[in-house]
C-alpha atoms as a PDB file:
ATOM      1  CA  UNK A   1      89.203  87.373 108.388  1.00  0.00           C
ATOM      2  CA  UNK A   2      92.770  86.126 107.938  1.00  0.00           C
ATOM      3  CA  UNK A   3      91.969  82.835 106.172  1.00  0.00           C
ATOM      4  CA  UNK A   4      91.901  84.121 102.578  1.00  0.00           C
ATOM      5  CA  UNK A   5      94.439  82.223 100.478  1.00  0.00           C
ATOM      6  CA  UNK A   6      96.287  84.394  97.965  1.00  0.00           C
ATOM      7  CA  UNK A   7      98.720  81.708  96.821  1.00  0.00           C
ATOM      8  CA  UNK A   8      96.913  81.104  93.536  1.00  0.00           C
ATOM      9  CA  UNK A   9      97.018  84.820  92.811  1.00  0.00           C
ATOM     10  CA  UNK A  10     100.734  85.037  93.481  1.00  0.00           C
ATOM     11  CA  UNK A  11     101.300  82.199  91.012  1.00  0.00           C
ATOM     12  CA  UNK A  12      99.211  84.057  88.467  1.00  0.00           C
ATOM     13  CA  UNK A  13     101.299  87.169  89.064  1.00  0.00           C
ATOM     14  CA  UNK A  14     104.416  85.232  88.129  1.00  0.00           C
ATOM     15  CA  UNK A  15     102.755  84.136  84.893  1.00  0.00           C
ATOM     16  CA  UNK A  16     101.888  87.739  84.077  1.00  0.00           C
ATOM     17  CA  UNK A  17     105.381  89.027  84.862  1.00  0.00           C
ATOM     18  CA  UNK A  18     107.462  89.692  81.789  1.00  0.00           C
ATOM     19  CA  UNK A  19     104.805  88.570  79.307  1.00  0.00           C
ATOM     20  CA  UNK A  20     103.252  92.011  78.988  1.00  0.00           C
ATOM     21  CA  UNK A  21     105.040  95.387  79.039  1.00  0.00           C
ATOM     22  CA  UNK A  22     102.098  97.025  80.785  1.00  0.00           C
ATOM     23  CA  UNK A  23     102.187  94.574  83.689  1.00  0.00           C
ATOM     24  CA  UNK A  24     105.960  94.980  84.017  1.00  0.00           C
ATOM     25  CA  UNK A  25     105.564  98.750  84.096  1.00  0.00           C
ATOM     26  CA  UNK A  26     103.020  98.421  86.870  1.00  0.00           C
ATOM     27  CA  UNK A  27     105.557  96.558  88.991  1.00  0.00           C
ATOM     28  CA  UNK A  28     108.218  99.208  88.472  1.00  0.00           C
ATOM     29  CA  UNK A  29     105.887 102.062  89.369  1.00  0.00           C
ATOM     30  CA  UNK A  30     104.396 100.418  92.444  1.00  0.00           C
ATOM     31  CA  UNK A  31     107.883  99.820  93.850  1.00  0.00           C
ATOM     32  CA  UNK A  32     109.180 103.331  93.156  1.00  0.00           C
ATOM     33  CA  UNK A  33     108.180 104.924  96.456  1.00  0.00           C
ATOM     34  CA  UNK A  34     111.685 105.934  97.523  1.00  0.00           C
ATOM     35  CA  UNK A  35     112.553 107.919  94.428  1.00  0.00           C
ATOM     36  CA  UNK A  36     109.042 109.104  93.667  1.00  0.00           C
ATOM     37  CA  UNK A  37     107.086 107.156  91.027  1.00  0.00           C
ATOM     38  CA  UNK A  38     106.177 108.489  87.620  1.00  0.00           C
ATOM     39  CA  UNK A  39     102.521 108.509  86.641  1.00  0.00           C
ATOM     40  CA  UNK A  40     101.715 105.387  84.627  1.00  0.00           C
ATOM     41  CA  UNK A  41     100.246 106.211  81.228  1.00  0.00           C
ATOM     42  CA  UNK A  42      97.887 103.540  79.938  1.00  0.00           C
ATOM     43  CA  UNK A  43      96.574 103.288  76.381  1.00  0.00           C
ATOM     44  CA  UNK A  44      93.462 101.472  75.105  1.00  0.00           C
ATOM     45  CA  UNK A  45      95.672  99.284  72.897  1.00  0.00           C
ATOM     46  CA  UNK A  46      97.793  98.149  75.849  1.00  0.00           C
ATOM     47  CA  UNK A  47      94.735  97.259  77.893  1.00  0.00           C
ATOM     48  CA  UNK A  48      93.142  95.411  74.972  1.00  0.00           C
ATOM     49  CA  UNK A  49      96.309  93.329  74.664  1.00  0.00           C
ATOM     50  CA  UNK A  50      95.750  91.641  78.032  1.00  0.00           C
ATOM     51  CA  UNK A  51      93.099  88.925  78.146  1.00  0.00           C
ATOM     52  CA  UNK A  52      91.931  89.810  81.645  1.00  0.00           C
ATOM     53  CA  UNK A  53      89.784  92.586  83.139  1.00  0.00           C
ATOM     54  CA  UNK A  54      92.160  95.270  84.469  1.00  0.00           C
ATOM     55  CA  UNK A  55      92.242  98.114  86.948  1.00  0.00           C
ATOM     56  CA  UNK A  56      94.628 100.998  87.406  1.00  0.00           C
ATOM     57  CA  UNK A  57      95.666 101.239  91.036  1.00  0.00           C
ATOM     58  CA  UNK A  58      97.279 104.328  92.552  1.00  0.00           C
ATOM     59  CA  UNK A  59      98.789 104.212  96.045  1.00  0.00           C
ATOM     60  CA  UNK A  60     101.230 106.421  97.988  1.00  0.00           C
ATOM     61  CA  UNK A  61     103.948 104.177  96.492  1.00  0.00           C
ATOM     62  CA  UNK A  62     103.000 104.661  92.873  1.00  0.00           C
ATOM     63  CA  UNK A  63     100.576 103.497  90.221  1.00  0.00           C
ATOM     64  CA  UNK A  64     100.188 100.271  88.300  1.00  0.00           C
ATOM     65  CA  UNK A  65      97.853  97.969  86.440  1.00  0.00           C
ATOM     66  CA  UNK A  66      96.417  94.864  88.087  1.00  0.00           C
ATOM     67  CA  UNK A  67      94.582  92.012  86.378  1.00  0.00           C
ATOM     68  CA  UNK A  68      91.578  90.073  87.641  1.00  0.00           C
ATOM     69  CA  UNK A  69      92.825  86.484  87.815  1.00  0.00           C
ATOM     70  CA  UNK A  70      90.372  84.787  90.167  1.00  0.00           C
ATOM     71  CA  UNK A  71      86.861  85.162  91.544  1.00  0.00           C
ATOM     72  CA  UNK A  72      85.273  83.404  94.509  1.00  0.00           C
ATOM     73  CA  UNK A  73      81.600  84.312  94.770  1.00  0.00           C
ATOM     74  CA  UNK A  74      81.645  88.122  95.202  1.00  0.00           C
ATOM     75  CA  UNK A  75      85.362  88.248  96.057  1.00  0.00           C
ATOM     76  CA  UNK A  76      87.790  89.314  93.317  1.00  0.00           C
ATOM     77  CA  UNK A  77      91.561  88.759  93.326  1.00  0.00           C
ATOM     78  CA  UNK A  78      93.499  91.428  91.401  1.00  0.00           C
ATOM     79  CA  UNK A  79      97.264  91.030  90.976  1.00  0.00           C
ATOM     80  CA  UNK A  80     100.249  92.882  89.535  1.00  0.00           C
ATOM     81  CA  UNK A  81     103.323  91.203  88.116  1.00  0.00           C
ATOM     82  CA  UNK A  82     105.283  92.126  91.242  1.00  0.00           C
ATOM     83  CA  UNK A  83     103.019  89.939  93.438  1.00  0.00           C
ATOM     84  CA  UNK A  84     101.060  92.894  94.800  1.00  0.00           C
ATOM     85  CA  UNK A  85      97.482  91.771  95.441  1.00  0.00           C
ATOM     86  CA  UNK A  86      94.258  93.703  95.958  1.00  0.00           C
ATOM     87  CA  UNK A  87      91.079  91.915  96.996  1.00  0.00           C
ATOM     88  CA  UNK A  88      87.783  93.607  96.169  1.00  0.00           C
ATOM     89  CA  UNK A  89      84.341  92.588  97.402  1.00  0.00           C
ATOM     90  CA  UNK A  90      81.577  94.340  95.479  1.00  0.00           C
ATOM     91  CA  UNK A  91      84.060  97.119  94.692  1.00  0.00           C
ATOM     92  CA  UNK A  92      85.223  97.640  98.290  1.00  0.00           C
ATOM     93  CA  UNK A  93      88.903  96.922  99.014  1.00  0.00           C
ATOM     94  CA  UNK A  94      88.948  94.272 101.752  1.00  0.00           C
ATOM     95  CA  UNK A  95      92.580  93.107 101.788  1.00  0.00           C
ATOM     96  CA  UNK A  96      95.964  94.085 100.333  1.00  0.00           C
ATOM     97  CA  UNK A  97      99.297  92.329  99.947  1.00  0.00           C
ATOM     98  CA  UNK A  98     102.483  94.264  99.252  1.00  0.00           C
ATOM     99  CA  UNK A  99     100.839  97.680  98.907  1.00  0.00           C
ATOM    100  CA  UNK A 100     101.192  99.325 102.316  1.00  0.00           C
ATOM    101  CA  UNK A 101     104.641 100.663 103.192  1.00  0.00           C
ATOM    102  CA  UNK A 102     103.452 101.095 106.788  1.00  0.00           C
ATOM    103  CA  UNK A 103     101.451  97.860 106.761  1.00  0.00           C
ATOM    104  CA  UNK A 104      98.707  96.273 104.699  1.00  0.00           C
ATOM    105  CA  UNK A 105      95.003  95.856 105.272  1.00  0.00           C
ATOM    106  CA  UNK A 106      94.870  92.253 106.460  1.00  0.00           C
ATOM    107  CA  UNK A 107      91.132  91.630 106.362  1.00  0.00           C
ATOM    108  CA  UNK A 108      87.654  93.152 106.379  1.00  0.00           C
ATOM    109  CA  UNK A 109      84.304  91.896 107.656  1.00  0.00           C
ATOM    110  CA  UNK A 110      81.163  93.706 106.538  1.00  0.00           C
ATOM    111  CA  UNK A 111      77.985  94.122 108.533  1.00  0.00           C
ATOM    112  CA  UNK A 112      74.937  92.284 107.196  1.00  0.00           C
ATOM    113  CA  UNK A 113      73.381  95.592 106.172  1.00  0.00           C
ATOM    114  CA  UNK A 114      76.429  96.816 104.228  1.00  0.00           C
ATOM    115  CA  UNK A 115      75.130  98.614 101.102  1.00  0.00           C
ATOM    116  CA  UNK A 116      77.959  97.332  98.916  1.00  0.00           C
ATOM    117  CA  UNK A 117      76.107  94.018  98.668  1.00  0.00           C
ATOM    118  CA  UNK A 118      73.012  95.540  97.057  1.00  0.00           C
ATOM    119  CA  UNK A 119      74.799  98.370  95.243  1.00  0.00           C
ATOM    120  CA  UNK A 120      75.606 101.944  96.238  1.00  0.00           C
ATOM    121  CA  UNK A 121      73.224 103.256  93.572  1.00  0.00           C
ATOM    122  CA  UNK A 122      70.430 102.343  95.988  1.00  0.00           C
ATOM    123  CA  UNK A 123      71.947 103.601  99.248  1.00  0.00           C
ATOM    124  CA  UNK A 124      69.769 106.262 100.943  1.00  0.00           C
ATOM    125  CA  UNK A 125      71.344 109.631 101.708  1.00  0.00           C
ATOM    126  CA  UNK A 126      72.678 109.600 105.281  1.00  0.00           C
ATOM    127  CA  UNK A 127      72.706 105.795 105.570  1.00  0.00           C
ATOM    128  CA  UNK A 128      74.992 104.480 108.348  1.00  0.00           C
ATOM    129  CA  UNK A 129      76.638 101.124 108.915  1.00  0.00           C
ATOM    130  CA  UNK A 130      79.956  99.665 110.114  1.00  0.00           C
ATOM    131  CA  UNK A 131      82.625  97.132 109.255  1.00  0.00           C
ATOM    132  CA  UNK A 132      85.575  95.548 111.059  1.00  0.00           C
ATOM    133  CA  UNK A 133      89.163  95.522 109.786  1.00  0.00           C
ATOM    134  CA  UNK A 134      92.418  93.782 110.694  1.00  0.00           C
ATOM    135  CA  UNK A 135      95.751  95.564 110.248  1.00  0.00           C
ATOM    136  CA  UNK A 136      98.948  93.725 109.359  1.00  0.00           C
ATOM    137  CA  UNK A 137     101.233  95.933 111.441  1.00  0.00           C
ATOM    138  CA  UNK A 138     100.322  96.795 115.015  1.00  0.00           C
ATOM    139  CA  UNK A 139      98.331  93.580 115.473  1.00  0.00           C
ATOM    140  CA  UNK A 140      95.024  95.462 115.575  1.00  0.00           C
ATOM    141  CA  UNK A 141      92.230  92.957 114.994  1.00  0.00           C
ATOM    142  CA  UNK A 142      88.534  93.684 114.612  1.00  0.00           C
ATOM    143  CA  UNK A 143      88.902  97.480 114.518  1.00  0.00           C
ATOM    144  CA  UNK A 144      85.452  99.059 114.183  1.00  0.00           C
ATOM    145  CA  UNK A 145      85.000 101.387 111.208  1.00  0.00           C
ATOM    146  CA  UNK A 146      81.808 103.467 111.322  1.00  0.00           C
ATOM    147  CA  UNK A 147      80.562 104.866 108.033  1.00  0.00           C
ATOM    148  CA  UNK A 148      77.955 107.298 106.744  1.00  0.00           C
ATOM    149  CA  UNK A 149      76.993 107.637 103.074  1.00  0.00           C
ATOM    150  CA  UNK A 150      76.105 110.802 101.158  1.00  0.00           C
ATOM    151  CA  UNK A 151      74.771 110.890  97.602  1.00  0.00           C
ATOM    152  CA  UNK A 152      76.551 113.609  95.593  1.00  0.00           C
ATOM    153  CA  UNK A 153      74.766 113.447  92.235  1.00  0.00           C
ATOM    154  CA  UNK A 154      75.701 112.575  88.663  1.00  0.00           C
ATOM    155  CA  UNK A 155      79.175 113.120  87.190  1.00  0.00           C
ATOM    156  CA  UNK A 156      81.036 112.141  84.017  1.00  0.00           C
ATOM    157  CA  UNK A 157      84.240 110.084  83.977  1.00  0.00           C
ATOM    158  CA  UNK A 158      86.664 109.763  81.070  1.00  0.00           C
ATOM    159  CA  UNK A 159      88.438 106.399  81.077  1.00  0.00           C
ATOM    160  CA  UNK A 160      90.637 105.452  78.112  1.00  0.00           C
ATOM    161  CA  UNK A 161      88.871 107.948  75.843  1.00  0.00           C
ATOM    162  CA  UNK A 162      85.392 106.696  76.745  1.00  0.00           C
ATOM    163  CA  UNK A 163      82.880 108.671  78.795  1.00  0.00           C
ATOM    164  CA  UNK A 164      80.802 107.134  81.588  1.00  0.00           C
ATOM    165  CA  UNK A 165      77.882 108.816  83.330  1.00  0.00           C
ATOM    166  CA  UNK A 166      78.077 107.790  86.974  1.00  0.00           C
ATOM    167  CA  UNK A 167      76.614 108.519  90.380  1.00  0.00           C
ATOM    168  CA  UNK A 168      79.069 109.745  93.003  1.00  0.00           C
ATOM    169  CA  UNK A 169      78.579 108.492  96.548  1.00  0.00           C
ATOM    170  CA  UNK A 170      80.798 109.650  99.430  1.00  0.00           C
ATOM    171  CA  UNK A 171      81.442 107.612 102.571  1.00  0.00           C
ATOM    172  CA  UNK A 172      82.653 109.303 105.740  1.00  0.00           C
ATOM    173  CA  UNK A 173      84.549 106.721 107.785  1.00  0.00           C
ATOM    174  CA  UNK A 174      85.618 106.924 111.425  1.00  0.00           C
ATOM    175  CA  UNK A 175      87.747 104.381 113.311  1.00  0.00           C
ATOM    176  CA  UNK A 176      88.335 105.933 116.767  1.00  0.00           C
ATOM    177  CA  UNK A 177      90.541 103.078 117.994  1.00  0.00           C
ATOM    178  CA  UNK A 178      93.270 103.963 115.493  1.00  0.00           C
ATOM    179  CA  UNK A 179      92.507 107.674 115.097  1.00  0.00           C
ATOM    180  CA  UNK A 180      91.363 107.321 111.489  1.00  0.00           C
ATOM    181  CA  UNK A 181      88.882 109.695 109.879  1.00  0.00           C
ATOM    182  CA  UNK A 182      88.556 110.065 106.117  1.00  0.00           C
ATOM    183  CA  UNK A 183      86.208 110.363 103.173  1.00  0.00           C
ATOM    184  CA  UNK A 184      85.963 107.594 100.610  1.00  0.00           C
ATOM    185  CA  UNK A 185      84.493 108.376  97.202  1.00  0.00           C
ATOM    186  CA  UNK A 186      82.772 105.952  94.853  1.00  0.00           C
ATOM    187  CA  UNK A 187      81.668 106.595  91.274  1.00  0.00           C
ATOM    188  CA  UNK A 188      79.046 103.962  90.466  1.00  0.00           C
ATOM    189  CA  UNK A 189      76.975 102.865  87.499  1.00  0.00           C
ATOM    190  CA  UNK A 190      73.489 104.228  88.310  1.00  0.00           C
ATOM    191  CA  UNK A 191      71.880 101.175  86.703  1.00  0.00           C
ATOM    192  CA  UNK A 192      73.414  98.394  88.792  1.00  0.00           C
ATOM    193  CA  UNK A 193      75.784  99.966  91.339  1.00  0.00           C
ATOM    194  CA  UNK A 194      78.985  98.677  89.729  1.00  0.00           C
ATOM    195  CA  UNK A 195      81.849 100.803  91.101  1.00  0.00           C
ATOM    196  CA  UNK A 196      83.668 102.241  88.082  1.00  0.00           C
ATOM    197  CA  UNK A 197      86.141 104.321  90.105  1.00  0.00           C
ATOM    198  CA  UNK A 198      86.848 104.834  93.789  1.00  0.00           C
ATOM    199  CA  UNK A 199      89.149 106.503  96.303  1.00  0.00           C
ATOM    200  CA  UNK A 200      89.399 104.473  99.506  1.00  0.00           C
ATOM    201  CA  UNK A 201      91.266 104.977 102.788  1.00  0.00           C
ATOM    202  CA  UNK A 202      92.208 101.459 103.869  1.00  0.00           C
ATOM    203  CA  UNK A 203      94.509 102.166 106.831  1.00  0.00           C
ATOM    204  CA  UNK A 204      95.930 105.271 108.464  1.00  0.00           C
ATOM    205  CA  UNK A 205      98.738 105.322 105.875  1.00  0.00           C
ATOM    206  CA  UNK A 206      97.274 103.559 102.848  1.00  0.00           C
ATOM    207  CA  UNK A 207      94.873 105.332 100.502  1.00  0.00           C
ATOM    208  CA  UNK A 208      94.150 103.855  97.091  1.00  0.00           C
ATOM    209  CA  UNK A 209      92.495 105.010  93.899  1.00  0.00           C
ATOM    210  CA  UNK A 210      90.974 102.255  91.795  1.00  0.00           C
ATOM    211  CA  UNK A 211      89.905 102.828  88.188  1.00  0.00           C
ATOM    212  CA  UNK A 212      88.221 100.086  86.185  1.00  0.00           C
ATOM    213  CA  UNK A 213      90.024 100.122  82.838  1.00  0.00           C
ATOM    214  CA  UNK A 214      87.672  97.509  81.395  1.00  0.00           C
ATOM    215  CA  UNK A 215      84.282  98.233  83.008  1.00  0.00           C
ATOM    216  CA  UNK A 216      82.505  96.217  80.302  1.00  0.00           C
ATOM    217  CA  UNK A 217      84.560  93.092  81.169  1.00  0.00           C
ATOM    218  CA  UNK A 218      83.534  92.375  84.725  1.00  0.00           C
ATOM    219  CA  UNK A 219      84.498  88.729  85.066  1.00  0.00           C
ATOM    220  CA  UNK A 220      87.496  86.485  84.444  1.00  0.00           C
ATOM    221  CA  UNK A 221      87.350  85.166  80.841  1.00  0.00           C
END
């Protein structure tokens, strides 16, 4: 799980740095943990000015905008101008770089029956599965994360002045080896399972909120 190469993404982050005020603001906010970050306000015009799909990422350290700069099969590499990297696989965060003050998520391996592959819009209520994670600090490798899914019904999201009707699916996760219990929430397109917004507990100290700012642009141009 530790063989993913993020070098290309870090190079892309350097190209993004300074060329767009929104990307520079994301760096400043994500590094503002000590003084307490301000909420990052994003406008439709700012997002439209970047020729990449974008997400707004909120962590305990702050909030920022990341751009999708590379795809490898179902794995997406999202980067901020400050070299922070978030890897998503079918909407699930599977690795982070530079986001966890107490340590990053170093890798994730999904079970063959993981519902993210087929889309959470199809997951049955009460469905259970597991995955395995590696943690950067503490040297924990292959930590078992048990999960159980609950369908919560239809909700409406407002993203950059546009409304999206989505299905909310909750995931109760339990990793006894590290004393982690939490609830992840996913707001998905009921037609194809695309995760428009999510709140995910990645480690004991790192919880992220991911909002797709350009849900209609799902691939690198």
